[in-house]
Amino acid sequence: MVIAIVGASGAVGQELLAVLEQRQFPVSELRLFGSERSAGRKYGFAGKEYEVRLLQHDDAFKGVDIAFVSAGAGVSRAYAEDITRFGAIMIDNSSAFRMEEDVPLVVPEVNAADALNRPRNIIANPNCTTIQMVVALQAIEKISHIRRVHVATYQAASGAGAQAMKELENQYRQVLNGEEVEVNKFAYQLAYNLIPHIDVFTANGYTKEEMKMFHETRKIMHSDVKVSATCVRVPSLRAHSESIWIETEEPVSVAAAREAFAKAQGCVLMDEPENKIYPMPLFLSGKDEVFIGRIRKDLSDENGLSFWCVSDQIRKGAALNAVQIAEWLITAKG
């Protein structure tokens, strides 16, 4: 297949290259695109070297089968017509089209078939925090419908991009060396700190990141579930963590939940607290799955369960999910 990557030099673009190669995706031709800053850079893929082209309003996407786009919502909106007008399927990692009715929002473990209904030939990749949460929720939804979700996220620096990771590393060095700490990517110093602020605040007091989890979960799961989120930036480099409380229509036992998670597609059960075994981002960066542990009954609700999950948001929360959508389309010949 002829594959294009828009935003090839970014953290997700680089991860897309790695995932496509690791999963031996059938690439016959690869076209890389980027901004003026990244145009001309060269990257290796499957033993060959490819140069990043400048993204322009032209016919460069003619002949492309699938275009993975991860360059921000503004770029996605501006170039969607150029990318799709010759028949390419655009799998978009930005927030540009996620909540538009004629664009499917897809997590393959949950709603893969939605990808077949794409009037504009655009498929949206959900927000990273939503992706890992709905993979976990789907396992319980099969047992009993989930009415409510309360979630607190602990989001790594990498969620703000490659430069944010470098900034966190530099801040730790600056603090330890007694130097003035530089802050550019975050509202405050992140090193040795927590910041309960991701994206901009809305009129209801929630941030856009938190509201994404509400709206996207309902769209992906085709559900009336209500989600209340608090999203926090934490000083880890990579992989997001989430503490999740759910209320189901019928009580779900801890044993039933463990069994469901253990069998669920895309989930790995890591729940042996007596042996200090539970998911942690330090050890799960670079992994594909959503890891789940600390499963217990909610003491405040007889129909409630609490659990903890960790997933690498650059992989499953972005690049891997996009590639899995493409793989599903090939299998379904969609």
C-alpha atoms as a PDB file:
ATOM      1  CA  MET A   1       0.000   0.000   0.000  1.00  0.00           C
ATOM      2  CA  VAL A   2       1.056   3.596  -0.575  1.00  0.00           C
ATOM      3  CA  ILE A   3       1.263   5.192   2.868  1.00  0.00           C
ATOM      4  CA  ALA A   4       1.716   8.839   3.804  1.00  0.00           C
ATOM      5  CA  ILE A   5       2.616  10.298   7.193  1.00  0.00           C
ATOM      6  CA  VAL A   6       1.911  13.974   7.815  1.00  0.00           C
ATOM      7  CA  GLY A   7       3.881  15.288  10.768  1.00  0.00           C
ATOM      8  CA  ALA A   8       6.598  12.690  10.306  1.00  0.00           C
ATOM      9  CA  SER A   9       9.143  14.489  12.487  1.00  0.00           C
ATOM     10  CA  GLY A  10       6.926  14.749  15.568  1.00  0.00           C
ATOM     11  CA  ALA A  11       6.729  12.293  18.459  1.00  0.00           C
ATOM     12  CA  VAL A  12       3.681  10.518  17.029  1.00  0.00           C
ATOM     13  CA  GLY A  13       5.038  10.598  13.482  1.00  0.00           C
ATOM     14  CA  GLN A  14       8.229   8.911  14.621  1.00  0.00           C
ATOM     15  CA  GLU A  15       6.217   6.352  16.572  1.00  0.00           C
ATOM     16  CA  LEU A  16       4.087   5.675  13.477  1.00  0.00           C
ATOM     17  CA  LEU A  17       7.238   4.810  11.542  1.00  0.00           C
ATOM     18  CA  ALA A  18       8.347   2.439  14.305  1.00  0.00           C
ATOM     19  CA  VAL A  19       4.938   0.766  14.667  1.00  0.00           C
ATOM     20  CA  LEU A  20       4.473   0.298  10.910  1.00  0.00           C
ATOM     21  CA  GLU A  21       7.884  -1.344  10.656  1.00  0.00           C
ATOM     22  CA  GLN A  22       7.518  -3.484  13.787  1.00  0.00           C
ATOM     23  CA  ARG A  23       4.117  -4.784  12.692  1.00  0.00           C
ATOM     24  CA  GLN A  24       5.331  -5.355   9.129  1.00  0.00           C
ATOM     25  CA  PHE A  25       2.548  -3.268   7.684  1.00  0.00           C
ATOM     26  CA  PRO A  26       2.329  -3.804   3.897  1.00  0.00           C
ATOM     27  CA  VAL A  27       4.018  -0.602   2.697  1.00  0.00           C
ATOM     28  CA  SER A  28       4.955  -0.519  -0.983  1.00  0.00           C
ATOM     29  CA  GLU A  29       5.657   3.220  -1.025  1.00  0.00           C
ATOM     30  CA  LEU A  30       6.134   5.684   1.837  1.00  0.00           C
ATOM     31  CA  ARG A  31       5.660   9.438   1.594  1.00  0.00           C
ATOM     32  CA  LEU A  32       6.639  11.671   4.516  1.00  0.00           C
ATOM     33  CA  PHE A  33       5.380  15.236   4.927  1.00  0.00           C
ATOM     34  CA  GLY A  34       6.143  18.038   7.341  1.00  0.00           C
ATOM     35  CA  SER A  35       6.504  21.760   7.921  1.00  0.00           C
ATOM     36  CA  GLU A  36       9.237  24.012   6.581  1.00  0.00           C
ATOM     37  CA  ARG A  37      11.183  23.269   9.753  1.00  0.00           C
ATOM     38  CA  SER A  38      11.233  19.511   9.171  1.00  0.00           C
ATOM     39  CA  ALA A  39      11.225  19.365   5.357  1.00  0.00           C
ATOM     40  CA  GLY A  40      14.440  17.831   4.084  1.00  0.00           C
ATOM     41  CA  ARG A  41      15.038  15.655   7.139  1.00  0.00           C
ATOM     42  CA  LYS A  42      15.656  12.003   6.388  1.00  0.00           C
ATOM     43  CA  TYR A  43      14.394   8.970   8.282  1.00  0.00           C
ATOM     44  CA  GLY A  44      15.038   5.272   7.896  1.00  0.00           C
ATOM     45  CA  PHE A  45      12.253   2.772   7.370  1.00  0.00           C
ATOM     46  CA  ALA A  46      12.575  -0.927   6.502  1.00  0.00           C
ATOM     47  CA  GLY A  47      16.154  -0.538   5.329  1.00  0.00           C
ATOM     48  CA  LYS A  48      15.540   2.532   3.145  1.00  0.00           C
ATOM     49  CA  GLU A  49      15.916   6.260   3.716  1.00  0.00           C
ATOM     50  CA  TYR A  50      13.070   8.689   3.113  1.00  0.00           C
ATOM     51  CA  GLU A  51      13.146  12.477   2.940  1.00  0.00           C
ATOM     52  CA  VAL A  52      10.411  14.617   4.462  1.00  0.00           C
ATOM     53  CA  ARG A  53       8.564  16.666   1.854  1.00  0.00           C
ATOM     54  CA  LEU A  54       7.114  20.105   2.518  1.00  0.00           C
ATOM     55  CA  LEU A  55       3.345  19.832   3.034  1.00  0.00           C
ATOM     56  CA  GLN A  56       1.641  21.989   0.403  1.00  0.00           C
ATOM     57  CA  HIS A  57      -1.707  22.406  -1.333  1.00  0.00           C
ATOM     58  CA  ASP A  58      -0.907  20.234  -4.346  1.00  0.00           C
ATOM     59  CA  ASP A  59      -1.470  16.742  -5.738  1.00  0.00           C
ATOM     60  CA  ALA A  60       1.214  15.014  -3.631  1.00  0.00           C
ATOM     61  CA  PHE A  61      -1.391  12.634  -2.161  1.00  0.00           C
ATOM     62  CA  LYS A  62      -2.459  11.256  -5.527  1.00  0.00           C
ATOM     63  CA  GLY A  63      -2.109   7.468  -5.382  1.00  0.00           C
ATOM     64  CA  VAL A  64      -1.944   7.353  -1.571  1.00  0.00           C
ATOM     65  CA  ASP A  65      -4.063   4.610   0.023  1.00  0.00           C
ATOM     66  CA  ILE A  66      -3.862   5.654   3.685  1.00  0.00           C
ATOM     67  CA  ALA A  67      -2.566   8.903   5.168  1.00  0.00           C
ATOM     68  CA  PHE A  68      -1.728   9.059   8.865  1.00  0.00           C
ATOM     69  CA  VAL A  69      -1.999  12.690   9.945  1.00  0.00           C
ATOM     70  CA  SER A  70      -0.505  13.955  13.205  1.00  0.00           C
ATOM     71  CA  ALA A  71       0.366  17.621  12.816  1.00  0.00           C
ATOM     72  CA  GLY A  72      -2.322  19.386  14.843  1.00  0.00           C
ATOM     73  CA  ALA A  73      -5.955  20.291  14.298  1.00  0.00           C
ATOM     74  CA  GLY A  74      -5.211  23.370  12.201  1.00  0.00           C
ATOM     75  CA  VAL A  75      -3.130  21.414   9.700  1.00  0.00           C
ATOM     76  CA  SER A  76      -5.707  18.620   9.562  1.00  0.00           C
ATOM     77  CA  ARG A  77      -8.511  21.041   8.739  1.00  0.00           C
ATOM     78  CA  ALA A  78      -6.444  22.954   6.209  1.00  0.00           C
ATOM     79  CA  TYR A  79      -5.209  19.906   4.278  1.00  0.00           C
ATOM     80  CA  ALA A  80      -8.044  17.373   4.636  1.00  0.00           C
ATOM     81  CA  GLU A  81      -9.373  18.068   1.150  1.00  0.00           C
ATOM     82  CA  ASP A  82      -5.909  17.813  -0.422  1.00  0.00           C
ATOM     83  CA  ILE A  83      -5.300  14.518   1.358  1.00  0.00           C
ATOM     84  CA  THR A  84      -8.626  12.833   0.566  1.00  0.00           C
ATOM     85  CA  ARG A  85      -9.644  14.166  -2.859  1.00  0.00           C
ATOM     86  CA  PHE A  86      -7.807  11.439  -4.761  1.00  0.00           C
ATOM     87  CA  GLY A  87      -9.302   8.666  -2.610  1.00  0.00           C
ATOM     88  CA  ALA A  88      -6.852   8.359   0.286  1.00  0.00           C
ATOM     89  CA  ILE A  89      -8.275   7.383   3.676  1.00  0.00           C
ATOM     90  CA  MET A  90      -7.186   9.992   6.204  1.00  0.00           C
ATOM     91  CA  ILE A  91      -6.637   8.634   9.723  1.00  0.00           C
ATOM     92  CA  ASP A  92      -6.375  11.807  11.753  1.00  0.00           C
ATOM     93  CA  ASN A  93      -4.777  12.017  15.175  1.00  0.00           C
ATOM     94  CA  SER A  94      -5.906  15.563  15.977  1.00  0.00           C
ATOM     95  CA  SER A  95      -9.093  16.864  17.584  1.00  0.00           C
ATOM     96  CA  ALA A  96     -10.226  18.488  14.326  1.00  0.00           C
ATOM     97  CA  PHE A  97     -12.946  16.039  13.314  1.00  0.00           C
ATOM     98  CA  ARG A  98     -13.552  13.813  16.336  1.00  0.00           C
ATOM     99  CA  MET A  99     -17.022  15.032  17.208  1.00  0.00           C
ATOM    100  CA  GLU A 100     -18.300  15.637  13.672  1.00  0.00           C
ATOM    101  CA  GLU A 101     -21.243  13.380  12.860  1.00  0.00           C
ATOM    102  CA  ASP A 102     -19.928  12.278   9.454  1.00  0.00           C
ATOM    103  CA  VAL A 103     -16.501  11.265  10.806  1.00  0.00           C
ATOM    104  CA  PRO A 104     -16.179   7.971  12.722  1.00  0.00           C
ATOM    105  CA  LEU A 105     -14.202   8.043  15.970  1.00  0.00           C
ATOM    106  CA  VAL A 106     -12.605   4.620  16.280  1.00  0.00           C
ATOM    107  CA  VAL A 107     -10.891   2.387  18.815  1.00  0.00           C
ATOM    108  CA  PRO A 108     -10.674  -1.028  17.087  1.00  0.00           C
ATOM    109  CA  GLU A 109     -11.195  -3.060  20.289  1.00  0.00           C
ATOM    110  CA  VAL A 110     -14.482  -1.227  20.840  1.00  0.00           C
ATOM    111  CA  ASN A 111     -16.086  -0.011  17.590  1.00  0.00           C
ATOM    112  CA  ALA A 112     -13.963  -1.071  14.615  1.00  0.00           C
ATOM    113  CA  ALA A 113     -16.946  -1.398  12.270  1.00  0.00           C
ATOM    114  CA  ASP A 114     -17.646   2.332  12.578  1.00  0.00           C
ATOM    115  CA  ALA A 115     -14.620   2.863  10.320  1.00  0.00           C
ATOM    116  CA  LEU A 116     -16.599   1.542   7.362  1.00  0.00           C
ATOM    117  CA  ASN A 117     -19.016   4.483   7.467  1.00  0.00           C
ATOM    118  CA  ARG A 118     -16.794   7.415   6.471  1.00  0.00           C
ATOM    119  CA  PRO A 119     -18.554   9.775   4.029  1.00  0.00           C
ATOM    120  CA  ARG A 120     -15.588  12.167   3.953  1.00  0.00           C
ATOM    121  CA  ASN A 121     -12.971   9.387   3.891  1.00  0.00           C
ATOM    122  CA  ILE A 122     -11.738  10.655   7.272  1.00  0.00           C
ATOM    123  CA  ILE A 123     -11.426   8.490  10.387  1.00  0.00           C
ATOM    124  CA  ALA A 124     -10.603  10.212  13.661  1.00  0.00           C
ATOM    125  CA  ASN A 125      -8.240   8.821  16.264  1.00  0.00           C
ATOM    126  CA  PRO A 126      -9.613   9.659  19.752  1.00  0.00           C
ATOM    127  CA  ASN A 127      -7.808  11.512  22.495  1.00  0.00           C
ATOM    128  CA  CYS A 128      -5.118   9.383  24.133  1.00  0.00           C
ATOM    129  CA  THR A 129      -6.749   9.357  27.572  1.00  0.00           C
ATOM    130  CA  THR A 130     -10.074   8.305  26.066  1.00  0.00           C
ATOM    131  CA  ILE A 131      -8.517   5.472  24.068  1.00  0.00           C
ATOM    132  CA  GLN A 132      -6.992   3.639  27.003  1.00  0.00           C
ATOM    133  CA  MET A 133     -10.076   4.184  29.147  1.00  0.00           C
ATOM    134  CA  VAL A 134     -12.622   2.840  26.633  1.00  0.00           C
ATOM    135  CA  VAL A 135     -10.501  -0.265  25.966  1.00  0.00           C
ATOM    136  CA  ALA A 136     -10.800  -1.016  29.681  1.00  0.00           C
ATOM    137  CA  LEU A 137     -14.456   0.031  29.967  1.00  0.00           C
ATOM    138  CA  GLN A 138     -15.496  -2.192  27.076  1.00  0.00           C
ATOM    139  CA  ALA A 139     -14.517  -5.282  29.063  1.00  0.00           C
ATOM    140  CA  ILE A 140     -16.977  -4.372  31.831  1.00  0.00           C
ATOM    141  CA  GLU A 141     -19.654  -3.042  29.476  1.00  0.00           C
ATOM    142  CA  LYS A 142     -20.003  -6.591  28.120  1.00  0.00           C
ATOM    143  CA  ILE A 143     -21.015  -7.735  31.615  1.00  0.00           C
ATOM    144  CA  SER A 144     -23.251  -4.836  32.640  1.00  0.00           C
ATOM    145  CA  HIS A 145     -23.973  -1.430  31.148  1.00  0.00           C
ATOM    146  CA  ILE A 146     -21.824   1.332  32.672  1.00  0.00           C
ATOM    147  CA  ARG A 147     -23.879   4.295  33.858  1.00  0.00           C
ATOM    148  CA  ARG A 148     -21.203   6.575  35.271  1.00  0.00           C
ATOM    149  CA  VAL A 149     -17.442   6.986  35.193  1.00  0.00           C
ATOM    150  CA  HIS A 150     -15.291   9.142  37.416  1.00  0.00           C
ATOM    151  CA  VAL A 151     -11.688   9.282  36.285  1.00  0.00           C
ATOM    152  CA  ALA A 152      -8.522  11.048  37.407  1.00  0.00           C
ATOM    153  CA  THR A 153      -5.733  10.975  34.851  1.00  0.00           C
ATOM    154  CA  TYR A 154      -1.999  11.206  35.535  1.00  0.00           C
ATOM    155  CA  GLN A 155      -0.598  12.275  32.185  1.00  0.00           C
ATOM    156  CA  ALA A 156       3.081  12.097  31.275  1.00  0.00           C
ATOM    157  CA  ALA A 157       5.054  14.930  29.705  1.00  0.00           C
ATOM    158  CA  SER A 158       5.097  13.110  26.370  1.00  0.00           C
ATOM    159  CA  GLY A 159       1.402  13.892  25.990  1.00  0.00           C
ATOM    160  CA  ALA A 160       2.514  17.432  25.144  1.00  0.00           C
ATOM    161  CA  GLY A 161       5.046  16.243  22.557  1.00  0.00           C
ATOM    162  CA  ALA A 162       8.732  15.508  22.152  1.00  0.00           C
ATOM    163  CA  GLN A 163       9.809  19.022  23.180  1.00  0.00           C
ATOM    164  CA  ALA A 164       7.819  18.694  26.403  1.00  0.00           C
ATOM    165  CA  MET A 165       9.746  15.544  27.301  1.00  0.00           C
ATOM    166  CA  LYS A 166      13.019  17.391  26.728  1.00  0.00           C
ATOM    167  CA  GLU A 167      11.778  20.289  28.842  1.00  0.00           C
ATOM    168  CA  LEU A 168      10.977  17.988  31.770  1.00  0.00           C
ATOM    169  CA  GLU A 169      14.418  16.376  31.590  1.00  0.00           C
ATOM    170  CA  ASN A 170      16.059  19.816  31.440  1.00  0.00           C
ATOM    171  CA  GLN A 171      14.004  21.043  34.397  1.00  0.00           C
ATOM    172  CA  TYR A 172      15.206  18.186  36.579  1.00  0.00           C
ATOM    173  CA  ARG A 173      18.813  19.032  35.673  1.00  0.00           C
ATOM    174  CA  GLN A 174      18.225  22.736  36.293  1.00  0.00           C
ATOM    175  CA  VAL A 175      16.684  22.118  39.719  1.00  0.00           C
ATOM    176  CA  LEU A 176      19.495  19.789  40.778  1.00  0.00           C
ATOM    177  CA  ASN A 177      22.137  22.239  39.526  1.00  0.00           C
ATOM    178  CA  GLY A 178      20.512  25.186  41.288  1.00  0.00           C
ATOM    179  CA  GLU A 179      19.791  26.932  37.992  1.00  0.00           C
ATOM    180  CA  GLU A 180      16.751  28.947  36.967  1.00  0.00           C
ATOM    181  CA  VAL A 181      14.070  26.598  35.649  1.00  0.00           C
ATOM    182  CA  GLU A 182      12.846  27.249  32.101  1.00  0.00           C
ATOM    183  CA  VAL A 183       9.108  26.829  31.499  1.00  0.00           C
ATOM    184  CA  ASN A 184       7.732  26.862  27.953  1.00  0.00           C
ATOM    185  CA  LYS A 185       5.502  23.863  27.302  1.00  0.00           C
ATOM    186  CA  PHE A 186       3.532  23.841  30.560  1.00  0.00           C
ATOM    187  CA  ALA A 187       1.705  26.391  32.698  1.00  0.00           C
ATOM    188  CA  TYR A 188       4.241  25.858  35.491  1.00  0.00           C
ATOM    189  CA  GLN A 189       7.408  23.948  36.263  1.00  0.00           C
ATOM    190  CA  LEU A 190       6.566  20.249  35.934  1.00  0.00           C
ATOM    191  CA  ALA A 191       9.665  18.766  37.551  1.00  0.00           C
ATOM    192  CA  TYR A 192       8.869  17.824  41.172  1.00  0.00           C
ATOM    193  CA  ASN A 193       5.336  19.079  40.637  1.00  0.00           C
ATOM    194  CA  LEU A 194       1.802  18.166  39.521  1.00  0.00           C
ATOM    195  CA  ILE A 195      -0.291  20.478  37.332  1.00  0.00           C
ATOM    196  CA  PRO A 196      -4.104  19.970  37.405  1.00  0.00           C
ATOM    197  CA  HIS A 197      -4.474  21.741  34.079  1.00  0.00           C
ATOM    198  CA  ILE A 198      -4.338  20.142  30.610  1.00  0.00           C
ATOM    199  CA  ASP A 199      -5.693  22.158  27.660  1.00  0.00           C
ATOM    200  CA  VAL A 200      -7.806  25.288  28.215  1.00  0.00           C
ATOM    201  CA  PHE A 201     -10.567  25.740  30.771  1.00  0.00           C
ATOM    202  CA  THR A 202     -14.172  25.921  29.580  1.00  0.00           C
ATOM    203  CA  ALA A 203     -17.151  27.786  31.029  1.00  0.00           C
ATOM    204  CA  ASN A 204     -18.208  24.834  33.216  1.00  0.00           C
ATOM    205  CA  GLY A 205     -14.855  24.677  35.007  1.00  0.00           C
ATOM    206  CA  TYR A 206     -13.641  21.575  33.159  1.00  0.00           C
ATOM    207  CA  THR A 207     -10.781  21.701  30.660  1.00  0.00           C
ATOM    208  CA  LYS A 208     -11.187  20.731  27.013  1.00  0.00           C
ATOM    209  CA  GLU A 209      -9.150  17.602  27.768  1.00  0.00           C
ATOM    210  CA  GLU A 210     -11.654  16.604  30.439  1.00  0.00           C
ATOM    211  CA  MET A 211     -14.653  17.327  28.225  1.00  0.00           C
ATOM    212  CA  LYS A 212     -13.102  15.250  25.418  1.00  0.00           C
ATOM    213  CA  MET A 213     -13.290  12.240  27.727  1.00  0.00           C
ATOM    214  CA  PHE A 214     -17.000  12.877  28.308  1.00  0.00           C
ATOM    215  CA  HIS A 215     -18.033  13.343  24.675  1.00  0.00           C
ATOM    216  CA  GLU A 216     -15.631  10.919  22.973  1.00  0.00           C
ATOM    217  CA  THR A 217     -16.454   8.019  25.299  1.00  0.00           C
ATOM    218  CA  ARG A 218     -20.158   8.335  24.511  1.00  0.00           C
ATOM    219  CA  LYS A 219     -19.530   8.471  20.764  1.00  0.00           C
ATOM    220  CA  ILE A 220     -17.118   5.530  20.672  1.00  0.00           C
ATOM    221  CA  MET A 221     -19.191   3.263  22.926  1.00  0.00           C
ATOM    222  CA  HIS A 222     -22.553   4.370  21.489  1.00  0.00           C
ATOM    223  CA  SER A 223     -23.563   4.899  25.088  1.00  0.00           C
ATOM    224  CA  ASP A 224     -25.351   7.310  27.393  1.00  0.00           C
ATOM    225  CA  VAL A 225     -22.574   6.883  29.983  1.00  0.00           C
ATOM    226  CA  LYS A 226     -21.702  10.023  31.949  1.00  0.00           C
ATOM    227  CA  VAL A 227     -18.006  10.738  32.470  1.00  0.00           C
ATOM    228  CA  SER A 228     -16.523  13.197  34.946  1.00  0.00           C
ATOM    229  CA  ALA A 229     -12.764  13.661  34.601  1.00  0.00           C
ATOM    230  CA  THR A 230      -9.918  15.499  36.278  1.00  0.00           C
ATOM    231  CA  CYS A 231      -6.796  15.552  34.113  1.00  0.00           C
ATOM    232  CA  VAL A 232      -3.417  16.124  35.748  1.00  0.00           C
ATOM    233  CA  ARG A 233       0.038  16.521  34.198  1.00  0.00           C
ATOM    234  CA  VAL A 234       2.635  14.571  36.178  1.00  0.00           C
ATOM    235  CA  PRO A 235       6.451  14.581  36.010  1.00  0.00           C
ATOM    236  CA  SER A 236       6.898  11.218  34.317  1.00  0.00           C
ATOM    237  CA  LEU A 237       8.228  11.010  30.785  1.00  0.00           C
ATOM    238  CA  ARG A 238       5.949   8.586  29.012  1.00  0.00           C
ATOM    239  CA  ALA A 239       2.756   6.519  29.457  1.00  0.00           C
ATOM    240  CA  HIS A 240      -0.444   7.844  31.025  1.00  0.00           C
ATOM    241  CA  SER A 241      -2.098   6.440  34.137  1.00  0.00           C
ATOM    242  CA  GLU A 242      -5.763   6.624  35.118  1.00  0.00           C
ATOM    243  CA  SER A 243      -7.640   5.953  38.330  1.00  0.00           C
ATOM    244  CA  ILE A 244     -11.177   4.963  37.330  1.00  0.00           C
ATOM    245  CA  TRP A 245     -14.409   4.529  39.295  1.00  0.00           C
ATOM    246  CA  ILE A 246     -17.412   3.069  37.461  1.00  0.00           C
ATOM    247  CA  GLU A 247     -21.052   2.468  38.340  1.00  0.00           C
ATOM    248  CA  THR A 248     -22.821  -0.344  36.481  1.00  0.00           C
ATOM    249  CA  GLU A 249     -26.520  -1.165  36.161  1.00  0.00           C
ATOM    250  CA  GLU A 250     -25.989  -4.508  37.883  1.00  0.00           C
ATOM    251  CA  PRO A 251     -23.327  -5.285  40.498  1.00  0.00           C
ATOM    252  CA  VAL A 252     -20.102  -6.712  39.047  1.00  0.00           C
ATOM    253  CA  SER A 253     -17.875  -8.721  41.361  1.00  0.00           C
ATOM    254  CA  VAL A 254     -14.136  -8.217  41.544  1.00  0.00           C
ATOM    255  CA  ALA A 255     -13.644 -11.795  40.336  1.00  0.00           C
ATOM    256  CA  ALA A 256     -15.879 -11.202  37.316  1.00  0.00           C
ATOM    257  CA  ALA A 257     -14.080  -7.956  36.527  1.00  0.00           C
ATOM    258  CA  ARG A 258     -10.665  -9.623  36.733  1.00  0.00           C
ATOM    259  CA  GLU A 259     -11.814 -12.380  34.397  1.00  0.00           C
ATOM    260  CA  ALA A 260     -13.260  -9.846  31.953  1.00  0.00           C
ATOM    261  CA  PHE A 261     -10.078  -7.772  31.890  1.00  0.00           C
ATOM    262  CA  ALA A 262      -7.908 -10.873  31.492  1.00  0.00           C
ATOM    263  CA  LYS A 263      -9.891 -11.950  28.427  1.00  0.00           C
ATOM    264  CA  ALA A 264     -10.448  -8.526  26.876  1.00  0.00           C
ATOM    265  CA  GLN A 265      -8.786  -7.631  23.606  1.00  0.00           C
ATOM    266  CA  GLY A 266      -6.004  -5.125  24.157  1.00  0.00           C
ATOM    267  CA  CYS A 267      -5.945  -5.513  27.955  1.00  0.00           C
ATOM    268  CA  VAL A 268      -3.374  -7.101  30.248  1.00  0.00           C
ATOM    269  CA  LEU A 269      -4.329  -7.948  33.820  1.00  0.00           C
ATOM    270  CA  MET A 270      -1.627  -6.923  36.304  1.00  0.00           C
ATOM    271  CA  ASP A 271      -3.381  -7.238  39.630  1.00  0.00           C
ATOM    272  CA  GLU A 272      -1.459  -8.899  42.444  1.00  0.00           C
ATOM    273  CA  PRO A 273      -1.273  -6.208  45.134  1.00  0.00           C
ATOM    274  CA  GLU A 274      -0.129  -8.738  47.741  1.00  0.00           C
ATOM    275  CA  ASN A 275       3.013  -9.184  45.614  1.00  0.00           C
ATOM    276  CA  LYS A 276       3.323  -5.474  44.798  1.00  0.00           C
ATOM    277  CA  ILE A 277       2.314  -6.159  41.203  1.00  0.00           C
ATOM    278  CA  TYR A 278       0.312  -3.370  39.574  1.00  0.00           C
ATOM    279  CA  PRO A 279       0.757  -1.207  36.469  1.00  0.00           C
ATOM    280  CA  MET A 280       3.313   1.619  36.549  1.00  0.00           C
ATOM    281  CA  PRO A 281       4.365   3.898  33.678  1.00  0.00           C
ATOM    282  CA  LEU A 282       8.074   3.481  34.366  1.00  0.00           C
ATOM    283  CA  PHE A 283       7.909  -0.169  33.338  1.00  0.00           C
ATOM    284  CA  LEU A 284       5.195  -0.036  30.659  1.00  0.00           C
ATOM    285  CA  SER A 285       6.476   2.649  28.293  1.00  0.00           C
ATOM    286  CA  GLY A 286       6.819   1.210  24.803  1.00  0.00           C
ATOM    287  CA  LYS A 287       4.182  -1.480  25.387  1.00  0.00           C
ATOM    288  CA  ASP A 288       1.114  -1.872  23.184  1.00  0.00           C
ATOM    289  CA  GLU A 289      -1.578  -2.877  25.654  1.00  0.00           C
ATOM    290  CA  VAL A 290      -3.696  -1.260  28.350  1.00  0.00           C
ATOM    291  CA  PHE A 291      -2.540  -2.655  31.708  1.00  0.00           C
ATOM    292  CA  ILE A 292      -5.076  -2.942  34.521  1.00  0.00           C
ATOM    293  CA  GLY A 293      -4.720  -3.518  38.268  1.00  0.00           C
ATOM    294  CA  ARG A 294      -5.860  -2.410  41.746  1.00  0.00           C
ATOM    295  CA  ILE A 295      -9.341  -3.802  40.993  1.00  0.00           C
ATOM    296  CA  ARG A 296     -11.672  -3.459  43.979  1.00  0.00           C
ATOM    297  CA  LYS A 297     -15.246  -2.761  44.969  1.00  0.00           C
ATOM    298  CA  ASP A 298     -16.165   0.873  45.406  1.00  0.00           C
ATOM    299  CA  LEU A 299     -16.934   1.279  49.097  1.00  0.00           C
ATOM    300  CA  SER A 300     -19.379   4.117  48.396  1.00  0.00           C
ATOM    301  CA  ASP A 301     -21.521   2.325  45.793  1.00  0.00           C
ATOM    302  CA  GLU A 302     -22.728  -1.293  45.758  1.00  0.00           C
ATOM    303  CA  ASN A 303     -22.786  -1.158  41.945  1.00  0.00           C
ATOM    304  CA  GLY A 304     -19.352   0.421  41.822  1.00  0.00           C
ATOM    305  CA  LEU A 305     -15.879  -0.784  40.901  1.00  0.00           C
ATOM    306  CA  SER A 306     -12.530   0.963  41.092  1.00  0.00           C
ATOM    307  CA  PHE A 307      -9.410   0.131  39.101  1.00  0.00           C
ATOM    308  CA  TRP A 308      -6.145   1.592  37.854  1.00  0.00           C
ATOM    309  CA  CYS A 309      -4.851   1.464  34.297  1.00  0.00           C
ATOM    310  CA  VAL A 310      -1.662   2.454  32.492  1.00  0.00           C
ATOM    311  CA  SER A 311      -0.946   2.680  28.778  1.00  0.00           C
ATOM    312  CA  ASP A 312       1.714   4.243  26.568  1.00  0.00           C
ATOM    313  CA  GLN A 313      -0.202   7.143  25.067  1.00  0.00           C
ATOM    314  CA  ILE A 314       2.207   7.634  22.145  1.00  0.00           C
ATOM    315  CA  ARG A 315       1.693   4.019  21.121  1.00  0.00           C
ATOM    316  CA  LYS A 316      -1.834   2.847  21.988  1.00  0.00           C
ATOM    317  CA  GLY A 317      -3.004   6.395  22.608  1.00  0.00           C
ATOM    318  CA  ALA A 318      -1.934   7.580  19.166  1.00  0.00           C
ATOM    319  CA  ALA A 319       0.272   5.729  16.650  1.00  0.00           C
ATOM    320  CA  LEU A 320      -0.689   2.130  17.387  1.00  0.00           C
ATOM    321  CA  ASN A 321      -4.421   2.839  17.483  1.00  0.00           C
ATOM    322  CA  ALA A 322      -4.158   4.535  14.077  1.00  0.00           C
ATOM    323  CA  VAL A 323      -2.239   1.600  12.587  1.00  0.00           C
ATOM    324  CA  GLN A 324      -4.714  -0.871  14.101  1.00  0.00           C
ATOM    325  CA  ILE A 325      -7.532   1.011  12.353  1.00  0.00           C
ATOM    326  CA  ALA A 326      -5.669   0.652   9.053  1.00  0.00           C
ATOM    327  CA  GLU A 327      -5.002  -3.047   9.688  1.00  0.00           C
ATOM    328  CA  TRP A 328      -8.691  -3.614  10.438  1.00  0.00           C
ATOM    329  CA  LEU A 329      -9.682  -1.880   7.204  1.00  0.00           C
ATOM    330  CA  ILE A 330      -7.351  -4.119   5.225  1.00  0.00           C
ATOM    331  CA  THR A 331      -8.780  -7.240   6.885  1.00  0.00           C
ATOM    332  CA  ALA A 332     -12.331  -6.009   6.324  1.00  0.00           C
ATOM    333  CA  LYS A 333     -11.400  -4.768   2.839  1.00  0.00           C
ATOM    334  CA  GLY A 334     -12.956  -1.492   3.776  1.00  0.00           C
END
